[in-house]
């Protein structure tokens, strides 16, 4: 197909060598839980595709980004599903960064590391129930000492087993009302646990399809007084078969961004 050839040419422009590498991996291995495709995506500079050039990324246009995602999906549907959510989330966060006072300096510093360090962003928006409105999240955030206390669960979530950063939609109580907010946390922070959710061979290599639940104690913290060692907030499962438990305190970079 000519359009697919064009997509693969664009993909090679941004990620030289990745098409051949993926083509050389057997299909069942590409689609297997914990397979090598996400590692190859990271190794070929995939996370920085839509990151603006001023933050060290490729600054690809929406059209080029879609072509790259199509090319990757032609080799591995699982990889296509995973990276689509990464790029969607990254594009959203950097669009917020372009709006005055939407993100803190600590959050901007965290985002600026996505391209240079090839960080993967997990996206937790789904509610795990049929006909559930993702704009009315069940995960709740309330003001607490040093940030927000966040409790609840998300399912499924892409890239949860490989993520460096976690984003999720939350309901934020403010001024007597509840508003939609976006949670941004580094992966590996205390307070997040990941557990099996369901078993399915479809898109098993997407490294998602998991959930987290409330758990007593634990904290999620970003740069600042509460930060602990670790690349970020942990939350979904390799191969997409986990659920995550969490009750965390978000401070520093782990603040809620109101939409």
C-alpha atoms as a PDB file:
ATOM      1  CA  UNK A   1       0.000   0.000   0.000  1.00  0.00           C
ATOM      2  CA  UNK A   2       1.393   3.338  -1.035  1.00  0.00           C
ATOM      3  CA  UNK A   3       0.018   5.167   2.009  1.00  0.00           C
ATOM      4  CA  UNK A   4       1.629   2.608   4.339  1.00  0.00           C
ATOM      5  CA  UNK A   5       4.927   2.969   2.485  1.00  0.00           C
ATOM      6  CA  UNK A   6       4.687   6.728   2.996  1.00  0.00           C
ATOM      7  CA  UNK A   7       3.949   6.200   6.690  1.00  0.00           C
ATOM      8  CA  UNK A   8       6.971   3.962   7.094  1.00  0.00           C
ATOM      9  CA  UNK A   9       9.177   6.501   5.317  1.00  0.00           C
ATOM     10  CA  UNK A  10       8.056   9.166   7.771  1.00  0.00           C
ATOM     11  CA  UNK A  11       8.644   6.774  10.661  1.00  0.00           C
ATOM     12  CA  UNK A  12      12.208   6.181   9.460  1.00  0.00           C
ATOM     13  CA  UNK A  13      12.731   9.919   9.294  1.00  0.00           C
ATOM     14  CA  UNK A  14      11.996  10.321  12.989  1.00  0.00           C
ATOM     15  CA  UNK A  15      13.125   6.919  14.290  1.00  0.00           C
ATOM     16  CA  UNK A  16      15.848   5.608  11.948  1.00  0.00           C
ATOM     17  CA  UNK A  17      16.161   1.836  11.970  1.00  0.00           C
ATOM     18  CA  UNK A  18      13.079   0.997  14.016  1.00  0.00           C
ATOM     19  CA  UNK A  19      11.059  -0.439  11.125  1.00  0.00           C
ATOM     20  CA  UNK A  20      13.697  -3.046  10.296  1.00  0.00           C
ATOM     21  CA  UNK A  21      14.188  -3.930  13.939  1.00  0.00           C
ATOM     22  CA  UNK A  22      10.472  -4.504  14.441  1.00  0.00           C
ATOM     23  CA  UNK A  23      10.124  -6.440  11.181  1.00  0.00           C
ATOM     24  CA  UNK A  24      12.887  -8.824  12.269  1.00  0.00           C
ATOM     25  CA  UNK A  25      11.050  -9.733  15.485  1.00  0.00           C
ATOM     26  CA  UNK A  26       8.528 -12.593  15.047  1.00  0.00           C
ATOM     27  CA  UNK A  27       4.929 -11.379  15.206  1.00  0.00           C
ATOM     28  CA  UNK A  28       3.923 -13.460  18.220  1.00  0.00           C
ATOM     29  CA  UNK A  29       6.943 -12.156  20.094  1.00  0.00           C
ATOM     30  CA  UNK A  30       6.028  -8.571  19.229  1.00  0.00           C
ATOM     31  CA  UNK A  31       2.534  -9.106  20.635  1.00  0.00           C
ATOM     32  CA  UNK A  32       3.510 -11.078  23.729  1.00  0.00           C
ATOM     33  CA  UNK A  33       3.247  -9.668  27.271  1.00  0.00           C
ATOM     34  CA  UNK A  34       6.559  -8.117  28.206  1.00  0.00           C
ATOM     35  CA  UNK A  35       7.774  -8.325  24.615  1.00  0.00           C
ATOM     36  CA  UNK A  36      10.584  -6.197  23.168  1.00  0.00           C
ATOM     37  CA  UNK A  37       8.588  -3.655  21.140  1.00  0.00           C
ATOM     38  CA  UNK A  38       8.225  -0.986  23.823  1.00  0.00           C
ATOM     39  CA  UNK A  39      11.916  -1.279  24.665  1.00  0.00           C
ATOM     40  CA  UNK A  40      12.742  -0.741  20.986  1.00  0.00           C
ATOM     41  CA  UNK A  41      10.380   2.227  20.819  1.00  0.00           C
ATOM     42  CA  UNK A  42      12.235   3.839  23.705  1.00  0.00           C
ATOM     43  CA  UNK A  43      15.656   2.930  22.306  1.00  0.00           C
ATOM     44  CA  UNK A  44      14.858   4.621  18.975  1.00  0.00           C
ATOM     45  CA  UNK A  45      13.790   7.916  20.542  1.00  0.00           C
ATOM     46  CA  UNK A  46      10.053   7.287  20.270  1.00  0.00           C
ATOM     47  CA  UNK A  47       8.882   9.166  23.383  1.00  0.00           C
ATOM     48  CA  UNK A  48      10.013  12.562  22.054  1.00  0.00           C
ATOM     49  CA  UNK A  49       8.097  12.516  18.767  1.00  0.00           C
ATOM     50  CA  UNK A  50       5.466  15.163  19.593  1.00  0.00           C
ATOM     51  CA  UNK A  51       7.500  16.948  22.263  1.00  0.00           C
ATOM     52  CA  UNK A  52       8.192  20.536  21.123  1.00  0.00           C
ATOM     53  CA  UNK A  53      11.705  21.282  19.924  1.00  0.00           C
ATOM     54  CA  UNK A  54      12.295  23.743  22.764  1.00  0.00           C
ATOM     55  CA  UNK A  55      11.941  20.809  25.158  1.00  0.00           C
ATOM     56  CA  UNK A  56      14.367  18.639  23.200  1.00  0.00           C
ATOM     57  CA  UNK A  57      11.789  16.731  21.158  1.00  0.00           C
ATOM     58  CA  UNK A  58      11.199  16.207  17.460  1.00  0.00           C
ATOM     59  CA  UNK A  59       8.225  18.559  17.345  1.00  0.00           C
ATOM     60  CA  UNK A  60       6.437  16.394  14.785  1.00  0.00           C
ATOM     61  CA  UNK A  61       3.226  17.692  13.265  1.00  0.00           C
ATOM     62  CA  UNK A  62      -0.066  15.941  13.959  1.00  0.00           C
ATOM     63  CA  UNK A  63      -0.024  14.468  10.439  1.00  0.00           C
ATOM     64  CA  UNK A  64       3.501  13.101  10.795  1.00  0.00           C
ATOM     65  CA  UNK A  65       2.684  11.728  14.244  1.00  0.00           C
ATOM     66  CA  UNK A  66      -0.311   9.834  12.859  1.00  0.00           C
ATOM     67  CA  UNK A  67       1.833   8.441  10.051  1.00  0.00           C
ATOM     68  CA  UNK A  68       4.471   7.259  12.511  1.00  0.00           C
ATOM     69  CA  UNK A  69       1.836   5.608  14.689  1.00  0.00           C
ATOM     70  CA  UNK A  70       0.347   3.899  11.634  1.00  0.00           C
ATOM     71  CA  UNK A  71       3.736   2.562  10.623  1.00  0.00           C
ATOM     72  CA  UNK A  72       4.456   1.205  14.097  1.00  0.00           C
ATOM     73  CA  UNK A  73       0.980  -0.331  14.293  1.00  0.00           C
ATOM     74  CA  UNK A  74       1.576  -2.178  11.031  1.00  0.00           C
ATOM     75  CA  UNK A  75       4.370  -4.104  12.731  1.00  0.00           C
ATOM     76  CA  UNK A  76       2.786  -4.409  16.164  1.00  0.00           C
ATOM     77  CA  UNK A  77      -0.813  -3.453  16.987  1.00  0.00           C
ATOM     78  CA  UNK A  78       0.114  -3.599  20.667  1.00  0.00           C
ATOM     79  CA  UNK A  79       2.883  -1.058  20.187  1.00  0.00           C
ATOM     80  CA  UNK A  80       0.553   1.135  18.157  1.00  0.00           C
ATOM     81  CA  UNK A  81      -2.034   1.165  20.943  1.00  0.00           C
ATOM     82  CA  UNK A  82       0.550   1.938  23.606  1.00  0.00           C
ATOM     83  CA  UNK A  83       2.381   4.741  21.809  1.00  0.00           C
ATOM     84  CA  UNK A  84      -0.833   6.386  20.660  1.00  0.00           C
ATOM     85  CA  UNK A  85      -1.779   6.992  24.288  1.00  0.00           C
ATOM     86  CA  UNK A  86       1.740   8.187  25.115  1.00  0.00           C
ATOM     87  CA  UNK A  87       1.702  10.723  22.275  1.00  0.00           C
ATOM     88  CA  UNK A  88      -1.844  11.861  23.022  1.00  0.00           C
ATOM     89  CA  UNK A  89      -0.953  12.451  26.651  1.00  0.00           C
ATOM     90  CA  UNK A  90       2.350  14.169  25.880  1.00  0.00           C
ATOM     91  CA  UNK A  91       0.684  16.467  23.359  1.00  0.00           C
ATOM     92  CA  UNK A  92      -1.991  17.382  25.890  1.00  0.00           C
ATOM     93  CA  UNK A  93       0.516  18.149  28.637  1.00  0.00           C
ATOM     94  CA  UNK A  94       2.689  20.307  26.411  1.00  0.00           C
ATOM     95  CA  UNK A  95      -0.367  22.182  25.188  1.00  0.00           C
ATOM     96  CA  UNK A  96      -1.075  22.972  28.841  1.00  0.00           C
ATOM     97  CA  UNK A  97       2.550  24.035  29.221  1.00  0.00           C
ATOM     98  CA  UNK A  98       1.972  26.663  26.546  1.00  0.00           C
ATOM     99  CA  UNK A  99      -0.814  28.223  28.630  1.00  0.00           C
ATOM    100  CA  UNK A 100       0.272  30.643  31.320  1.00  0.00           C
ATOM    101  CA  UNK A 101       0.185  29.264  34.876  1.00  0.00           C
ATOM    102  CA  UNK A 102      -1.439  25.947  33.923  1.00  0.00           C
ATOM    103  CA  UNK A 103       1.611  23.968  35.085  1.00  0.00           C
ATOM    104  CA  UNK A 104       4.056  24.550  37.918  1.00  0.00           C
ATOM    105  CA  UNK A 105       7.783  25.053  37.381  1.00  0.00           C
ATOM    106  CA  UNK A 106       8.402  21.602  38.862  1.00  0.00           C
ATOM    107  CA  UNK A 107       5.947  20.023  36.425  1.00  0.00           C
ATOM    108  CA  UNK A 108       7.553  21.795  33.482  1.00  0.00           C
ATOM    109  CA  UNK A 109      10.939  20.528  34.608  1.00  0.00           C
ATOM    110  CA  UNK A 110       9.570  16.996  34.684  1.00  0.00           C
ATOM    111  CA  UNK A 111       8.049  17.313  31.208  1.00  0.00           C
ATOM    112  CA  UNK A 112      11.298  18.687  29.842  1.00  0.00           C
ATOM    113  CA  UNK A 113      12.921  15.330  30.608  1.00  0.00           C
ATOM    114  CA  UNK A 114      10.582  13.251  28.417  1.00  0.00           C
ATOM    115  CA  UNK A 115      12.519  13.640  25.177  1.00  0.00           C
ATOM    116  CA  UNK A 116      16.116  13.816  26.460  1.00  0.00           C
ATOM    117  CA  UNK A 117      15.630  10.794  28.730  1.00  0.00           C
ATOM    118  CA  UNK A 118      13.084   8.949  26.553  1.00  0.00           C
ATOM    119  CA  UNK A 119      10.535   8.780  29.349  1.00  0.00           C
ATOM    120  CA  UNK A 120       7.257   6.923  28.790  1.00  0.00           C
ATOM    121  CA  UNK A 121       3.977   8.441  29.960  1.00  0.00           C
ATOM    122  CA  UNK A 122       1.154   6.186  31.159  1.00  0.00           C
ATOM    123  CA  UNK A 123      -2.372   7.401  30.601  1.00  0.00           C
ATOM    124  CA  UNK A 124      -5.110   6.609  33.114  1.00  0.00           C
ATOM    125  CA  UNK A 125      -8.447   7.908  31.868  1.00  0.00           C
ATOM    126  CA  UNK A 126     -10.637   4.839  31.430  1.00  0.00           C
ATOM    127  CA  UNK A 127     -13.023   3.988  34.246  1.00  0.00           C
ATOM    128  CA  UNK A 128     -13.281   0.272  33.531  1.00  0.00           C
ATOM    129  CA  UNK A 129     -17.072   0.191  33.295  1.00  0.00           C
ATOM    130  CA  UNK A 130     -19.350   0.226  30.251  1.00  0.00           C
ATOM    131  CA  UNK A 131     -20.831   3.628  29.389  1.00  0.00           C
ATOM    132  CA  UNK A 132     -18.845   5.329  32.145  1.00  0.00           C
ATOM    133  CA  UNK A 133     -18.064   8.992  31.384  1.00  0.00           C
ATOM    134  CA  UNK A 134     -14.297   9.487  31.557  1.00  0.00           C
ATOM    135  CA  UNK A 135     -14.897  13.174  32.284  1.00  0.00           C
ATOM    136  CA  UNK A 136     -16.544  12.156  35.563  1.00  0.00           C
ATOM    137  CA  UNK A 137     -13.704  10.178  37.175  1.00  0.00           C
ATOM    138  CA  UNK A 138     -14.153   8.091  40.296  1.00  0.00           C
ATOM    139  CA  UNK A 139     -10.588   8.811  41.413  1.00  0.00           C
ATOM    140  CA  UNK A 140     -10.699  11.688  43.888  1.00  0.00           C
ATOM    141  CA  UNK A 141      -8.129  14.257  44.942  1.00  0.00           C
ATOM    142  CA  UNK A 142      -8.513  16.473  47.966  1.00  0.00           C
ATOM    143  CA  UNK A 143      -6.164  19.135  49.333  1.00  0.00           C
ATOM    144  CA  UNK A 144      -3.767  17.854  51.969  1.00  0.00           C
ATOM    145  CA  UNK A 145      -0.565  18.959  53.628  1.00  0.00           C
ATOM    146  CA  UNK A 146       2.026  19.470  50.897  1.00  0.00           C
ATOM    147  CA  UNK A 147      -0.256  18.762  47.953  1.00  0.00           C
ATOM    148  CA  UNK A 148      -3.238  16.456  47.389  1.00  0.00           C
ATOM    149  CA  UNK A 149      -4.400  13.145  48.767  1.00  0.00           C
ATOM    150  CA  UNK A 150      -5.473  10.965  45.837  1.00  0.00           C
ATOM    151  CA  UNK A 151      -7.486   7.771  46.194  1.00  0.00           C
ATOM    152  CA  UNK A 152      -9.184   5.444  43.762  1.00  0.00           C
ATOM    153  CA  UNK A 153      -8.562   3.147  40.836  1.00  0.00           C
ATOM    154  CA  UNK A 154      -8.204   3.237  37.056  1.00  0.00           C
ATOM    155  CA  UNK A 155      -8.599   0.455  34.548  1.00  0.00           C
ATOM    156  CA  UNK A 156      -7.240  -0.068  31.978  1.00  0.00           C
ATOM    157  CA  UNK A 157      -4.101   2.039  31.609  1.00  0.00           C
ATOM    158  CA  UNK A 158      -1.563   1.916  28.811  1.00  0.00           C
ATOM    159  CA  UNK A 159       2.181   1.545  29.419  1.00  0.00           C
ATOM    160  CA  UNK A 160       1.657   0.935  33.128  1.00  0.00           C
ATOM    161  CA  UNK A 161       4.384  -1.665  33.328  1.00  0.00           C
ATOM    162  CA  UNK A 162       7.009   0.490  31.579  1.00  0.00           C
ATOM    163  CA  UNK A 163       6.001   4.000  32.512  1.00  0.00           C
ATOM    164  CA  UNK A 164       8.239   6.697  33.914  1.00  0.00           C
ATOM    165  CA  UNK A 165       5.438   9.219  34.409  1.00  0.00           C
ATOM    166  CA  UNK A 166       1.788   8.740  35.295  1.00  0.00           C
ATOM    167  CA  UNK A 167      -1.136  10.888  34.254  1.00  0.00           C
ATOM    168  CA  UNK A 168      -4.756  10.283  35.221  1.00  0.00           C
ATOM    169  CA  UNK A 169      -8.053  12.099  35.310  1.00  0.00           C
ATOM    170  CA  UNK A 170      -9.259  12.889  38.833  1.00  0.00           C
ATOM    171  CA  UNK A 171     -12.163  14.648  40.482  1.00  0.00           C
ATOM    172  CA  UNK A 172     -10.764  17.589  42.437  1.00  0.00           C
ATOM    173  CA  UNK A 173     -12.741  19.220  45.214  1.00  0.00           C
ATOM    174  CA  UNK A 174     -12.265  22.991  45.089  1.00  0.00           C
ATOM    175  CA  UNK A 175     -14.332  25.874  46.467  1.00  0.00           C
ATOM    176  CA  UNK A 176     -17.191  23.609  47.399  1.00  0.00           C
ATOM    177  CA  UNK A 177     -17.416  22.116  43.904  1.00  0.00           C
ATOM    178  CA  UNK A 178     -15.890  19.190  42.063  1.00  0.00           C
ATOM    179  CA  UNK A 179     -13.889  19.868  38.925  1.00  0.00           C
ATOM    180  CA  UNK A 180     -11.976  17.727  36.449  1.00  0.00           C
ATOM    181  CA  UNK A 181      -8.205  17.731  36.904  1.00  0.00           C
ATOM    182  CA  UNK A 182      -5.217  15.903  35.447  1.00  0.00           C
ATOM    183  CA  UNK A 183      -2.849  14.135  37.813  1.00  0.00           C
ATOM    184  CA  UNK A 184       0.858  14.197  36.934  1.00  0.00           C
ATOM    185  CA  UNK A 185       3.228  12.050  38.979  1.00  0.00           C
ATOM    186  CA  UNK A 186       6.665  10.509  38.486  1.00  0.00           C
ATOM    187  CA  UNK A 187       6.605   6.725  38.323  1.00  0.00           C
ATOM    188  CA  UNK A 188       7.910   4.629  41.187  1.00  0.00           C
ATOM    189  CA  UNK A 189       6.541   6.934  43.872  1.00  0.00           C
ATOM    190  CA  UNK A 190       5.269   5.298  47.062  1.00  0.00           C
ATOM    191  CA  UNK A 191       1.551   4.634  47.337  1.00  0.00           C
ATOM    192  CA  UNK A 192       0.916   2.966  43.961  1.00  0.00           C
ATOM    193  CA  UNK A 193       0.700  -0.800  43.523  1.00  0.00           C
ATOM    194  CA  UNK A 194       0.074  -2.863  40.389  1.00  0.00           C
ATOM    195  CA  UNK A 195      -1.822  -6.153  40.219  1.00  0.00           C
ATOM    196  CA  UNK A 196      -3.348  -8.470  37.581  1.00  0.00           C
ATOM    197  CA  UNK A 197      -6.567  -7.219  36.042  1.00  0.00           C
ATOM    198  CA  UNK A 198      -7.597  -9.583  33.247  1.00  0.00           C
ATOM    199  CA  UNK A 199      -6.034 -12.053  30.863  1.00  0.00           C
ATOM    200  CA  UNK A 200      -6.399 -11.622  27.127  1.00  0.00           C
ATOM    201  CA  UNK A 201      -4.008 -12.281  24.288  1.00  0.00           C
ATOM    202  CA  UNK A 202      -5.368  -9.314  22.306  1.00  0.00           C
ATOM    203  CA  UNK A 203      -2.953  -6.344  22.446  1.00  0.00           C
ATOM    204  CA  UNK A 204      -1.060  -8.151  25.196  1.00  0.00           C
ATOM    205  CA  UNK A 205       2.140  -6.316  24.300  1.00  0.00           C
ATOM    206  CA  UNK A 206       0.634  -2.875  24.944  1.00  0.00           C
ATOM    207  CA  UNK A 207       1.812  -2.980  28.543  1.00  0.00           C
ATOM    208  CA  UNK A 208      -1.492  -1.715  29.858  1.00  0.00           C
ATOM    209  CA  UNK A 209      -4.958  -2.955  30.781  1.00  0.00           C
ATOM    210  CA  UNK A 210      -4.557  -2.683  34.515  1.00  0.00           C
ATOM    211  CA  UNK A 211      -6.000  -0.861  37.469  1.00  0.00           C
ATOM    212  CA  UNK A 212      -5.208   0.494  40.894  1.00  0.00           C
ATOM    213  CA  UNK A 213      -7.251   0.608  44.070  1.00  0.00           C
ATOM    214  CA  UNK A 214      -7.151   2.467  47.327  1.00  0.00           C
ATOM    215  CA  UNK A 215      -4.594   1.216  49.779  1.00  0.00           C
ATOM    216  CA  UNK A 216      -4.083   2.518  53.339  1.00  0.00           C
ATOM    217  CA  UNK A 217      -0.972   4.613  53.724  1.00  0.00           C
ATOM    218  CA  UNK A 218       1.628   5.342  51.083  1.00  0.00           C
ATOM    219  CA  UNK A 219       2.497   8.550  49.288  1.00  0.00           C
ATOM    220  CA  UNK A 220       3.102   9.756  45.798  1.00  0.00           C
ATOM    221  CA  UNK A 221       5.530  12.617  45.688  1.00  0.00           C
ATOM    222  CA  UNK A 222       7.295  14.639  43.062  1.00  0.00           C
ATOM    223  CA  UNK A 223      10.445  16.768  43.237  1.00  0.00           C
ATOM    224  CA  UNK A 224      10.557  18.672  46.470  1.00  0.00           C
ATOM    225  CA  UNK A 225      10.718  17.816  50.163  1.00  0.00           C
ATOM    226  CA  UNK A 226       8.637  14.642  49.719  1.00  0.00           C
ATOM    227  CA  UNK A 227      10.515  13.192  46.789  1.00  0.00           C
ATOM    228  CA  UNK A 228      11.948   9.715  47.107  1.00  0.00           C
ATOM    229  CA  UNK A 229      14.312   7.765  44.919  1.00  0.00           C
ATOM    230  CA  UNK A 230      12.771   6.190  41.829  1.00  0.00           C
ATOM    231  CA  UNK A 231      11.847   7.248  38.310  1.00  0.00           C
ATOM    232  CA  UNK A 232       8.159   7.820  38.997  1.00  0.00           C
ATOM    233  CA  UNK A 233       4.723   6.550  39.931  1.00  0.00           C
ATOM    234  CA  UNK A 234       4.122   2.872  39.276  1.00  0.00           C
ATOM    235  CA  UNK A 235       0.748   1.788  38.213  1.00  0.00           C
ATOM    236  CA  UNK A 236      -0.128  -0.793  35.624  1.00  0.00           C
ATOM    237  CA  UNK A 237       1.105  -4.118  34.586  1.00  0.00           C
ATOM    238  CA  UNK A 238       3.499  -5.583  32.110  1.00  0.00           C
ATOM    239  CA  UNK A 239       1.527  -7.231  29.388  1.00  0.00           C
ATOM    240  CA  UNK A 240      -1.540  -5.378  30.535  1.00  0.00           C
ATOM    241  CA  UNK A 241      -2.699  -7.926  33.039  1.00  0.00           C
ATOM    242  CA  UNK A 242      -2.551  -6.094  36.299  1.00  0.00           C
ATOM    243  CA  UNK A 243      -4.459  -3.811  38.517  1.00  0.00           C
ATOM    244  CA  UNK A 244      -2.933  -1.276  40.821  1.00  0.00           C
ATOM    245  CA  UNK A 245      -3.823  -0.319  44.340  1.00  0.00           C
ATOM    246  CA  UNK A 246      -3.223   3.139  45.564  1.00  0.00           C
ATOM    247  CA  UNK A 247      -3.813   5.840  48.093  1.00  0.00           C
ATOM    248  CA  UNK A 248      -1.186   8.488  47.666  1.00  0.00           C
ATOM    249  CA  UNK A 249      -0.252  11.953  48.713  1.00  0.00           C
ATOM    250  CA  UNK A 250       0.751  14.115  45.764  1.00  0.00           C
ATOM    251  CA  UNK A 251       3.093  17.004  46.389  1.00  0.00           C
ATOM    252  CA  UNK A 252       5.706  18.948  44.421  1.00  0.00           C
ATOM    253  CA  UNK A 253       5.422  17.886  40.813  1.00  0.00           C
ATOM    254  CA  UNK A 254       2.584  15.579  41.742  1.00  0.00           C
ATOM    255  CA  UNK A 255       0.019  18.305  41.650  1.00  0.00           C
ATOM    256  CA  UNK A 256      -3.341  18.330  39.945  1.00  0.00           C
ATOM    257  CA  UNK A 257      -3.682  20.367  36.796  1.00  0.00           C
ATOM    258  CA  UNK A 258      -7.177  21.751  36.474  1.00  0.00           C
ATOM    259  CA  UNK A 259      -8.749  21.476  33.046  1.00  0.00           C
END
